[in-house]
């Protein structure tokens, strides 16, 4: 059986990347959630909106976030602190202390976090209470990918209702 010949360098690169990914996934068996405790680093990209703002305020949200936490494998709990760099509606920084929980026997992770930010050129202060859910796929006991949604409510009177769609990856040590 012959493989189709790529018509361009970009197609050849895509075929090569797909072949490497297929070989890597075949070589490393997926393992269930480990029952060990240890540090976890999670990096994510999120986009969405903030509903209920005053007329004229931009409601779009786009951010890159990194979280560090300690997973307690026996209970699936992970206290964590996330730092987010907001790129929209303006450049801002957010700090989010919280706790996430892996549902036993399911690839589901739930989280609750407080959000403090200086978005919209305001002083740094509490903005939201976030509730999130993510579908997590573990490629190995250490590496996982997730897709989820964060919903929440405003803590300050100047914030709206956040709706964030999130894609991320986590690494366990």
N, C-alpha and C. Protein backbone atom coordinates (compact mmCIF):
# COMPACT_ATOMS: atom_id res chain seq x y z
N UNK A 1 0.85 -1.18 0.00
CA UNK A 1 0.00 0.00 0.00
C UNK A 1 0.89 1.23 0.00
N UNK A 2 0.61 2.16 -0.90
CA UNK A 2 1.40 3.37 -1.01
C UNK A 2 0.73 4.51 -0.27
N UNK A 3 1.55 5.32 0.37
CA UNK A 3 1.04 6.52 1.03
C UNK A 3 0.88 7.60 -0.03
N UNK A 4 -0.15 8.43 0.06
CA UNK A 4 -0.30 9.51 -0.90
C UNK A 4 0.85 10.50 -0.77
N UNK A 5 1.30 11.00 -1.89
CA UNK A 5 2.42 11.94 -1.92
C UNK A 5 1.91 13.35 -1.62
N UNK A 6 2.50 14.04 -0.62
CA UNK A 6 2.05 15.39 -0.30
C UNK A 6 2.32 16.34 -1.46
N UNK A 7 1.44 17.30 -1.66
CA UNK A 7 1.57 18.24 -2.78
C UNK A 7 2.34 19.50 -2.42
N UNK A 8 2.61 19.71 -1.12
CA UNK A 8 3.35 20.91 -0.73
C UNK A 8 4.17 20.61 0.53
N UNK A 9 5.08 21.52 0.84
CA UNK A 9 5.89 21.37 2.05
C UNK A 9 5.01 21.44 3.29
N UNK A 10 3.99 22.29 3.27
CA UNK A 10 3.08 22.40 4.41
C UNK A 10 2.31 21.09 4.62
N UNK A 11 1.88 20.47 3.53
CA UNK A 11 1.17 19.18 3.64
C UNK A 11 2.12 18.10 4.14
N UNK A 12 3.37 18.12 3.67
CA UNK A 12 4.36 17.13 4.12
C UNK A 12 4.62 17.28 5.61
N UNK A 13 4.72 18.51 6.07
CA UNK A 13 4.91 18.77 7.49
C UNK A 13 3.71 18.26 8.30
N UNK A 14 2.51 18.51 7.80
CA UNK A 14 1.30 18.03 8.48
C UNK A 14 1.25 16.51 8.54
N UNK A 15 1.60 15.84 7.42
CA UNK A 15 1.62 14.37 7.41
C UNK A 15 2.65 13.83 8.39
N UNK A 16 3.83 14.47 8.41
CA UNK A 16 4.89 14.03 9.33
C UNK A 16 4.50 14.20 10.79
N UNK A 17 3.87 15.34 11.11
CA UNK A 17 3.44 15.59 12.49
C UNK A 17 2.37 14.59 12.91
N UNK A 18 1.44 14.28 12.00
CA UNK A 18 0.39 13.31 12.32
C UNK A 18 0.99 11.92 12.54
N UNK A 19 1.97 11.55 11.73
CA UNK A 19 2.60 10.24 11.89
C UNK A 19 3.36 10.16 13.21
N UNK A 20 4.10 11.22 13.56
CA UNK A 20 4.84 11.24 14.83
C UNK A 20 3.89 11.16 16.03
N UNK A 21 2.77 11.90 15.96
CA UNK A 21 1.80 11.87 17.05
C UNK A 21 1.20 10.48 17.19
N UNK A 22 0.87 9.84 16.05
CA UNK A 22 0.29 8.49 16.10
C UNK A 22 1.27 7.49 16.70
N UNK A 23 2.56 7.59 16.33
CA UNK A 23 3.57 6.70 16.90
C UNK A 23 3.76 6.95 18.39
N UNK A 24 3.77 8.21 18.79
CA UNK A 24 3.96 8.54 20.21
C UNK A 24 2.80 8.03 21.05
N UNK A 25 1.57 8.20 20.55
CA UNK A 25 0.41 7.73 21.30
C UNK A 25 0.36 6.21 21.37
N UNK A 26 0.81 5.54 20.33
CA UNK A 26 0.84 4.08 20.33
C UNK A 26 1.91 3.55 21.28
N UNK A 27 3.01 4.28 21.42
CA UNK A 27 4.13 3.81 22.24
C UNK A 27 3.89 4.04 23.74
N UNK A 28 3.10 5.05 24.09
CA UNK A 28 2.88 5.38 25.49
C UNK A 28 1.44 5.05 25.86
N UNK A 29 1.23 3.98 26.61
CA UNK A 29 -0.14 3.63 26.97
C UNK A 29 -0.75 4.66 27.92
N UNK A 30 -2.02 4.96 27.70
CA UNK A 30 -2.71 5.88 28.60
C UNK A 30 -2.93 5.18 29.94
N UNK A 31 -2.79 5.94 31.02
CA UNK A 31 -2.99 5.35 32.33
C UNK A 31 -4.06 6.11 33.08
N UNK A 32 -4.78 5.46 33.95
CA UNK A 32 -5.81 6.15 34.73
C UNK A 32 -5.19 7.08 35.75
N UNK A 33 -6.03 7.84 36.41
CA UNK A 33 -5.57 8.80 37.41
C UNK A 33 -4.75 8.09 38.48
N UNK A 34 -3.54 8.58 38.66
CA UNK A 34 -2.65 7.99 39.65
C UNK A 34 -3.15 8.33 41.06
N UNK A 35 -2.94 7.43 41.98
CA UNK A 35 -3.36 7.64 43.37
C UNK A 35 -2.19 8.18 44.20
N UNK A 36 -1.42 9.08 43.62
CA UNK A 36 -0.29 9.67 44.34
C UNK A 36 -0.50 11.17 44.44
N UNK A 37 0.16 11.75 45.41
CA UNK A 37 0.10 13.19 45.59
C UNK A 37 1.35 13.82 45.01
N UNK A 38 1.23 15.06 44.58
CA UNK A 38 2.39 15.75 44.07
C UNK A 38 2.04 17.05 43.38
N UNK A 39 3.08 17.79 42.99
CA UNK A 39 2.86 19.07 42.34
C UNK A 39 2.31 18.90 40.92
N UNK A 40 1.48 19.87 40.51
CA UNK A 40 0.88 19.90 39.19
C UNK A 40 1.02 21.30 38.63
N UNK A 41 1.40 21.40 37.36
CA UNK A 41 1.43 22.67 36.65
C UNK A 41 0.40 22.57 35.54
N UNK A 42 -0.44 23.58 35.42
CA UNK A 42 -1.49 23.60 34.40
C UNK A 42 -1.39 24.91 33.62
N UNK A 43 -1.38 24.83 32.31
CA UNK A 43 -1.32 26.01 31.44
C UNK A 43 -2.55 25.98 30.55
N UNK A 44 -3.21 27.14 30.38
CA UNK A 44 -4.42 27.16 29.58
C UNK A 44 -4.57 28.45 28.79
N UNK A 45 -5.41 28.38 27.80
CA UNK A 45 -5.79 29.50 26.95
C UNK A 45 -7.31 29.62 27.06
N UNK A 46 -7.82 30.80 27.36
CA UNK A 46 -9.27 30.96 27.56
C UNK A 46 -9.77 32.18 26.79
N UNK A 47 -10.98 32.05 26.32
CA UNK A 47 -11.64 33.15 25.64
C UNK A 47 -13.12 33.10 25.93
N UNK A 48 -13.76 34.25 25.87
CA UNK A 48 -15.19 34.29 26.13
C UNK A 48 -15.66 35.71 26.30
N UNK A 49 -16.56 35.89 27.23
CA UNK A 49 -17.13 37.20 27.41
C UNK A 49 -17.55 37.46 28.84
N UNK A 50 -17.92 38.70 29.05
CA UNK A 50 -18.40 39.15 30.35
C UNK A 50 -19.75 39.82 30.10
N UNK A 51 -20.81 39.20 30.57
CA UNK A 51 -22.16 39.67 30.32
C UNK A 51 -22.61 40.67 31.38
N UNK A 52 -23.52 41.56 31.00
CA UNK A 52 -24.12 42.49 31.95
C UNK A 52 -23.30 43.71 32.26
N UNK A 53 -22.39 44.09 31.38
CA UNK A 53 -21.59 45.30 31.61
C UNK A 53 -22.36 46.55 31.20
N UNK A 54 -21.87 47.70 31.62
CA UNK A 54 -22.47 48.96 31.22
C UNK A 54 -22.35 49.13 29.71
N UNK A 55 -23.30 49.83 29.09
CA UNK A 55 -23.20 50.07 27.64
C UNK A 55 -21.89 50.78 27.30
N UNK A 56 -21.28 50.33 26.21
CA UNK A 56 -20.01 50.92 25.77
C UNK A 56 -18.78 50.19 26.27
N UNK A 57 -18.91 49.35 27.30
CA UNK A 57 -17.76 48.58 27.77
C UNK A 57 -17.60 47.32 26.92
N UNK A 58 -16.35 47.00 26.60
CA UNK A 58 -16.07 45.80 25.82
C UNK A 58 -16.23 44.57 26.70
N UNK A 59 -17.01 43.60 26.24
CA UNK A 59 -17.29 42.42 27.04
C UNK A 59 -16.45 41.21 26.71
N UNK A 60 -15.54 41.31 25.74
CA UNK A 60 -14.72 40.16 25.35
C UNK A 60 -13.60 39.91 26.35
N UNK A 61 -13.28 38.63 26.54
CA UNK A 61 -12.19 38.24 27.43
C UNK A 61 -11.31 37.24 26.69
N UNK A 62 -10.00 37.46 26.72
CA UNK A 62 -9.03 36.52 26.15
C UNK A 62 -7.82 36.52 27.06
N UNK A 63 -7.36 35.32 27.48
CA UNK A 63 -6.26 35.27 28.45
C UNK A 63 -5.44 34.00 28.31
N UNK A 64 -4.23 34.08 28.82
CA UNK A 64 -3.32 32.94 28.96
C UNK A 64 -3.09 32.80 30.45
N UNK A 65 -3.18 31.55 30.95
CA UNK A 65 -3.07 31.35 32.40
C UNK A 65 -2.13 30.19 32.72
N UNK A 66 -1.48 30.29 33.86
CA UNK A 66 -0.63 29.21 34.38
C UNK A 66 -0.98 29.02 35.86
N UNK A 67 -1.17 27.76 36.24
CA UNK A 67 -1.52 27.46 37.63
C UNK A 67 -0.55 26.45 38.20
N UNK A 68 -0.29 26.58 39.47
CA UNK A 68 0.51 25.62 40.20
C UNK A 68 -0.29 25.13 41.38
N UNK A 69 -0.23 23.83 41.62
CA UNK A 69 -0.99 23.28 42.73
C UNK A 69 -0.39 21.99 43.24
N UNK A 70 -1.01 21.43 44.26
CA UNK A 70 -0.57 20.17 44.85
C UNK A 70 -1.76 19.22 44.84
N UNK A 71 -1.67 18.18 44.02
CA UNK A 71 -2.76 17.23 43.91
C UNK A 71 -2.65 16.16 44.99
N UNK A 72 -3.74 15.98 45.72
CA UNK A 72 -3.83 14.93 46.73
C UNK A 72 -4.57 13.78 46.05
N UNK A 73 -3.80 12.82 45.53
CA UNK A 73 -4.34 11.76 44.68
C UNK A 73 -5.46 10.96 45.30
N UNK A 74 -5.39 10.68 46.57
CA UNK A 74 -6.39 9.84 47.21
C UNK A 74 -7.80 10.44 47.13
N UNK A 75 -7.91 11.75 47.27
CA UNK A 75 -9.20 12.42 47.24
C UNK A 75 -9.46 13.15 45.93
N UNK A 76 -8.44 13.29 45.09
CA UNK A 76 -8.60 14.01 43.83
C UNK A 76 -8.68 15.51 43.99
N UNK A 77 -8.35 16.04 45.17
CA UNK A 77 -8.37 17.48 45.41
C UNK A 77 -7.05 18.11 45.00
N UNK A 78 -7.13 19.34 44.51
CA UNK A 78 -5.91 20.07 44.16
C UNK A 78 -6.07 21.54 44.52
N UNK A 79 -5.55 21.96 45.70
CA UNK A 79 -5.47 23.40 45.98
C UNK A 79 -4.48 24.01 44.99
N UNK A 80 -4.82 25.17 44.44
CA UNK A 80 -3.96 25.76 43.41
C UNK A 80 -4.07 27.28 43.40
N UNK A 81 -3.07 27.89 42.78
CA UNK A 81 -3.08 29.33 42.54
C UNK A 81 -2.77 29.53 41.07
N UNK A 82 -3.64 30.30 40.41
CA UNK A 82 -3.48 30.56 38.98
C UNK A 82 -3.15 32.03 38.77
N UNK A 83 -2.24 32.29 37.83
CA UNK A 83 -1.92 33.64 37.41
C UNK A 83 -2.32 33.74 35.94
N UNK A 84 -3.15 34.72 35.61
CA UNK A 84 -3.62 34.88 34.23
C UNK A 84 -3.16 36.23 33.68
N UNK A 85 -2.72 36.20 32.44
CA UNK A 85 -2.36 37.42 31.71
C UNK A 85 -3.48 37.68 30.73
N UNK A 86 -4.26 38.72 30.99
CA UNK A 86 -5.37 39.07 30.12
C UNK A 86 -4.89 39.90 28.96
N UNK A 87 -5.35 39.53 27.77
CA UNK A 87 -4.99 40.25 26.55
C UNK A 87 -6.16 41.06 26.01
N UNK A 88 -7.37 40.76 26.47
CA UNK A 88 -8.57 41.50 26.09
C UNK A 88 -9.50 41.51 27.29
N UNK A 89 -10.21 42.55 27.57
CA UNK A 89 -10.42 43.75 26.78
C UNK A 89 -9.23 44.71 26.82
N UNK A 90 -8.31 44.50 27.73
CA UNK A 90 -7.09 45.29 27.81
C UNK A 90 -6.02 44.40 28.43
N UNK A 91 -4.81 44.87 28.51
CA UNK A 91 -3.77 44.10 29.18
C UNK A 91 -4.02 44.17 30.68
N UNK A 92 -4.07 43.00 31.32
CA UNK A 92 -4.32 42.96 32.76
C UNK A 92 -3.73 41.69 33.33
N UNK A 93 -3.69 41.64 34.65
CA UNK A 93 -3.20 40.48 35.38
C UNK A 93 -4.29 40.05 36.35
N UNK A 94 -4.46 38.73 36.47
CA UNK A 94 -5.44 38.20 37.43
C UNK A 94 -4.75 37.15 38.30
N UNK A 95 -5.14 37.09 39.53
CA UNK A 95 -4.66 36.09 40.49
C UNK A 95 -5.87 35.32 40.98
N UNK A 96 -5.80 33.96 40.91
CA UNK A 96 -6.96 33.13 41.24
C UNK A 96 -6.61 31.99 42.19
N UNK A 97 -6.77 32.18 43.47
CA UNK A 97 -6.64 31.04 44.39
C UNK A 97 -7.91 30.19 44.30
N UNK A 98 -7.74 28.87 44.36
CA UNK A 98 -8.91 28.01 44.27
C UNK A 98 -8.60 26.56 44.58
N UNK A 99 -9.59 25.72 44.36
CA UNK A 99 -9.49 24.28 44.59
C UNK A 99 -10.19 23.58 43.43
N UNK A 100 -9.55 22.52 42.91
CA UNK A 100 -10.21 21.71 41.90
C UNK A 100 -10.30 20.27 42.41
N UNK A 101 -11.23 19.52 41.81
CA UNK A 101 -11.50 18.16 42.26
C UNK A 101 -11.74 17.27 41.06
N UNK A 102 -11.02 16.15 41.01
CA UNK A 102 -11.24 15.14 39.97
C UNK A 102 -12.34 14.20 40.45
N UNK A 103 -13.39 14.08 39.66
CA UNK A 103 -14.50 13.19 40.01
C UNK A 103 -14.00 11.75 39.87
N UNK A 104 -14.10 10.93 40.94
CA UNK A 104 -13.61 9.55 40.88
C UNK A 104 -14.29 8.74 39.77
N UNK A 105 -13.47 8.05 38.99
CA UNK A 105 -13.98 7.18 37.94
C UNK A 105 -14.47 7.89 36.69
N UNK A 106 -14.26 9.20 36.60
CA UNK A 106 -14.70 9.96 35.43
C UNK A 106 -13.60 10.94 35.02
N UNK A 107 -13.52 11.27 33.74
CA UNK A 107 -12.51 12.24 33.29
C UNK A 107 -12.98 13.68 33.47
N UNK A 108 -13.65 13.95 34.58
CA UNK A 108 -14.23 15.26 34.84
C UNK A 108 -13.53 15.93 36.01
N UNK A 109 -13.18 17.20 35.84
CA UNK A 109 -12.56 18.00 36.90
C UNK A 109 -13.43 19.21 37.15
N UNK A 110 -13.78 19.44 38.42
CA UNK A 110 -14.57 20.60 38.82
C UNK A 110 -13.68 21.55 39.60
N UNK A 111 -13.95 22.84 39.48
CA UNK A 111 -13.11 23.80 40.21
C UNK A 111 -13.91 24.99 40.68
N UNK A 112 -13.41 25.59 41.75
CA UNK A 112 -13.95 26.84 42.28
C UNK A 112 -12.76 27.74 42.58
N UNK A 113 -12.86 29.01 42.18
CA UNK A 113 -11.74 29.94 42.39
C UNK A 113 -12.27 31.36 42.56
N UNK A 114 -11.54 32.15 43.30
CA UNK A 114 -11.78 33.59 43.40
C UNK A 114 -10.85 34.28 42.42
N UNK A 115 -11.31 35.37 41.81
CA UNK A 115 -10.52 36.08 40.82
C UNK A 115 -10.31 37.52 41.28
N UNK A 116 -9.05 37.93 41.35
CA UNK A 116 -8.69 39.33 41.61
C UNK A 116 -7.93 39.83 40.39
N UNK A 117 -8.28 41.03 39.91
CA UNK A 117 -7.70 41.51 38.66
C UNK A 117 -7.65 43.03 38.62
N UNK A 118 -6.85 43.54 37.68
CA UNK A 118 -6.81 44.97 37.41
C UNK A 118 -7.36 45.26 36.01
N UNK A 119 -8.29 44.42 35.52
CA UNK A 119 -8.87 44.58 34.19
C UNK A 119 -9.63 45.89 34.07
N UNK A 120 -9.73 46.38 32.86
CA UNK A 120 -10.44 47.62 32.52
C UNK A 120 -9.86 48.83 33.24
N UNK A 121 -8.54 48.78 33.42
CA UNK A 121 -7.79 49.90 34.02
C UNK A 121 -8.30 50.29 35.40
N UNK A 122 -8.74 49.31 36.16
CA UNK A 122 -9.18 49.55 37.53
C UNK A 122 -8.09 49.12 38.50
N UNK A 123 -8.24 49.51 39.74
CA UNK A 123 -7.31 49.06 40.77
C UNK A 123 -7.44 47.55 40.94
N UNK A 124 -6.35 46.93 41.38
CA UNK A 124 -6.36 45.48 41.60
C UNK A 124 -7.34 45.16 42.73
N UNK A 125 -8.30 44.29 42.44
CA UNK A 125 -9.29 43.93 43.44
C UNK A 125 -10.09 42.71 43.01
N UNK A 126 -10.92 42.23 43.91
CA UNK A 126 -11.73 41.04 43.64
C UNK A 126 -12.73 41.35 42.54
N UNK A 127 -12.84 40.40 41.60
CA UNK A 127 -13.73 40.59 40.46
C UNK A 127 -14.82 39.52 40.39
N UNK A 128 -14.43 38.24 40.39
CA UNK A 128 -15.40 37.15 40.17
C UNK A 128 -15.23 36.01 41.16
N UNK A 129 -16.28 35.23 41.30
CA UNK A 129 -16.24 33.89 41.87
C UNK A 129 -16.49 32.97 40.68
N UNK A 130 -15.51 32.11 40.36
CA UNK A 130 -15.59 31.24 39.19
C UNK A 130 -15.92 29.81 39.59
N UNK A 131 -16.81 29.19 38.84
CA UNK A 131 -17.12 27.77 38.97
C UNK A 131 -16.83 27.16 37.60
N UNK A 132 -16.03 26.09 37.59
CA UNK A 132 -15.63 25.52 36.32
C UNK A 132 -15.78 24.02 36.26
N UNK A 133 -15.86 23.51 35.05
CA UNK A 133 -15.88 22.08 34.79
C UNK A 133 -15.04 21.83 33.54
N UNK A 134 -14.25 20.76 33.56
CA UNK A 134 -13.40 20.44 32.42
C UNK A 134 -13.39 18.94 32.19
N UNK A 135 -13.33 18.56 30.93
CA UNK A 135 -13.18 17.17 30.51
C UNK A 135 -11.69 16.95 30.32
N UNK A 136 -11.10 16.05 31.09
CA UNK A 136 -9.65 15.85 31.06
C UNK A 136 -9.30 14.49 30.46
N UNK A 137 -8.40 14.49 29.50
CA UNK A 137 -7.89 13.27 28.88
C UNK A 137 -6.43 13.14 29.27
N UNK A 138 -6.10 12.06 29.95
CA UNK A 138 -4.72 11.83 30.36
C UNK A 138 -4.04 10.93 29.34
N UNK A 139 -2.98 11.44 28.72
CA UNK A 139 -2.21 10.62 27.79
C UNK A 139 -1.31 9.66 28.53
N UNK A 140 -0.77 10.13 29.64
CA UNK A 140 0.05 9.30 30.53
C UNK A 140 -0.35 9.66 31.95
N UNK A 141 0.29 9.05 32.93
CA UNK A 141 0.02 9.42 34.31
C UNK A 141 0.46 10.83 34.64
N UNK A 142 1.34 11.40 33.82
CA UNK A 142 1.88 12.73 34.08
C UNK A 142 1.31 13.83 33.18
N UNK A 143 0.94 13.50 31.95
CA UNK A 143 0.53 14.50 30.96
C UNK A 143 -0.94 14.35 30.62
N UNK A 144 -1.66 15.46 30.66
CA UNK A 144 -3.08 15.46 30.32
C UNK A 144 -3.48 16.72 29.59
N UNK A 145 -4.57 16.62 28.85
CA UNK A 145 -5.16 17.75 28.14
C UNK A 145 -6.60 17.89 28.59
N UNK A 146 -7.11 19.13 28.61
CA UNK A 146 -8.49 19.33 29.03
C UNK A 146 -9.15 20.45 28.24
N UNK A 147 -10.46 20.39 28.21
CA UNK A 147 -11.30 21.43 27.62
C UNK A 147 -12.43 21.66 28.60
N UNK A 148 -12.72 22.93 28.87
CA UNK A 148 -13.73 23.20 29.88
C UNK A 148 -14.37 24.56 29.74
N UNK A 149 -15.21 24.84 30.71
CA UNK A 149 -15.90 26.12 30.76
C UNK A 149 -15.87 26.63 32.20
N UNK A 150 -15.68 27.93 32.35
CA UNK A 150 -15.76 28.60 33.65
C UNK A 150 -16.93 29.58 33.58
N UNK A 151 -17.81 29.49 34.54
CA UNK A 151 -18.91 30.43 34.69
C UNK A 151 -18.77 31.07 36.06
N UNK A 152 -19.37 32.20 36.24
CA UNK A 152 -19.22 32.79 37.56
C UNK A 152 -20.14 33.95 37.81
N UNK A 153 -19.87 34.58 38.91
CA UNK A 153 -20.64 35.74 39.31
C UNK A 153 -19.72 36.84 39.77
N UNK A 154 -20.17 38.08 39.66
CA UNK A 154 -19.35 39.20 40.07
C UNK A 154 -19.25 39.32 41.59
N UNK A 155 -18.07 39.70 42.05
CA UNK A 155 -17.88 39.99 43.47
C UNK A 155 -17.97 41.50 43.67
N UNK A 156 -17.46 42.26 42.68
CA UNK A 156 -17.55 43.72 42.77
C UNK A 156 -18.70 44.20 41.91
N UNK A 157 -19.18 45.39 42.18
CA UNK A 157 -20.28 45.96 41.42
C UNK A 157 -19.90 46.38 40.01
N UNK A 158 -18.62 46.43 39.71
CA UNK A 158 -18.17 46.88 38.39
C UNK A 158 -17.91 45.73 37.42
N UNK A 159 -18.06 44.48 37.87
CA UNK A 159 -17.78 43.32 37.03
C UNK A 159 -19.08 42.74 36.49
N UNK A 160 -18.96 42.04 35.38
CA UNK A 160 -20.11 41.37 34.79
C UNK A 160 -20.08 39.88 35.11
N UNK A 161 -20.89 39.10 34.39
CA UNK A 161 -20.95 37.65 34.56
C UNK A 161 -20.01 37.00 33.56
N UNK A 162 -18.95 36.30 34.02
CA UNK A 162 -17.98 35.73 33.10
C UNK A 162 -18.45 34.40 32.52
N UNK A 163 -18.13 34.19 31.24
CA UNK A 163 -18.32 32.92 30.55
C UNK A 163 -17.03 32.69 29.76
N UNK A 164 -16.21 31.73 30.22
CA UNK A 164 -14.91 31.48 29.60
C UNK A 164 -14.82 30.04 29.10
N UNK A 165 -14.44 29.86 27.85
CA UNK A 165 -14.14 28.55 27.30
C UNK A 165 -12.64 28.37 27.39
N UNK A 166 -12.20 27.21 27.88
CA UNK A 166 -10.79 27.02 28.22
C UNK A 166 -10.23 25.73 27.62
N UNK A 167 -9.02 25.81 27.05
CA UNK A 167 -8.25 24.65 26.60
C UNK A 167 -6.93 24.67 27.35
N UNK A 168 -6.52 23.51 27.86
CA UNK A 168 -5.29 23.50 28.64
C UNK A 168 -4.58 22.16 28.63
N UNK A 169 -3.42 22.19 29.26
CA UNK A 169 -2.63 20.98 29.44
C UNK A 169 -2.05 21.00 30.85
N UNK A 170 -1.92 19.81 31.43
CA UNK A 170 -1.37 19.72 32.78
C UNK A 170 -0.22 18.72 32.81
N UNK A 171 0.72 19.00 33.68
CA UNK A 171 1.89 18.14 33.87
C UNK A 171 2.03 17.86 35.36
N UNK A 172 2.07 16.58 35.70
CA UNK A 172 2.22 16.16 37.08
C UNK A 172 3.65 15.70 37.33
N UNK A 173 4.19 16.05 38.49
CA UNK A 173 5.57 15.68 38.81
C UNK A 173 5.62 14.59 39.85
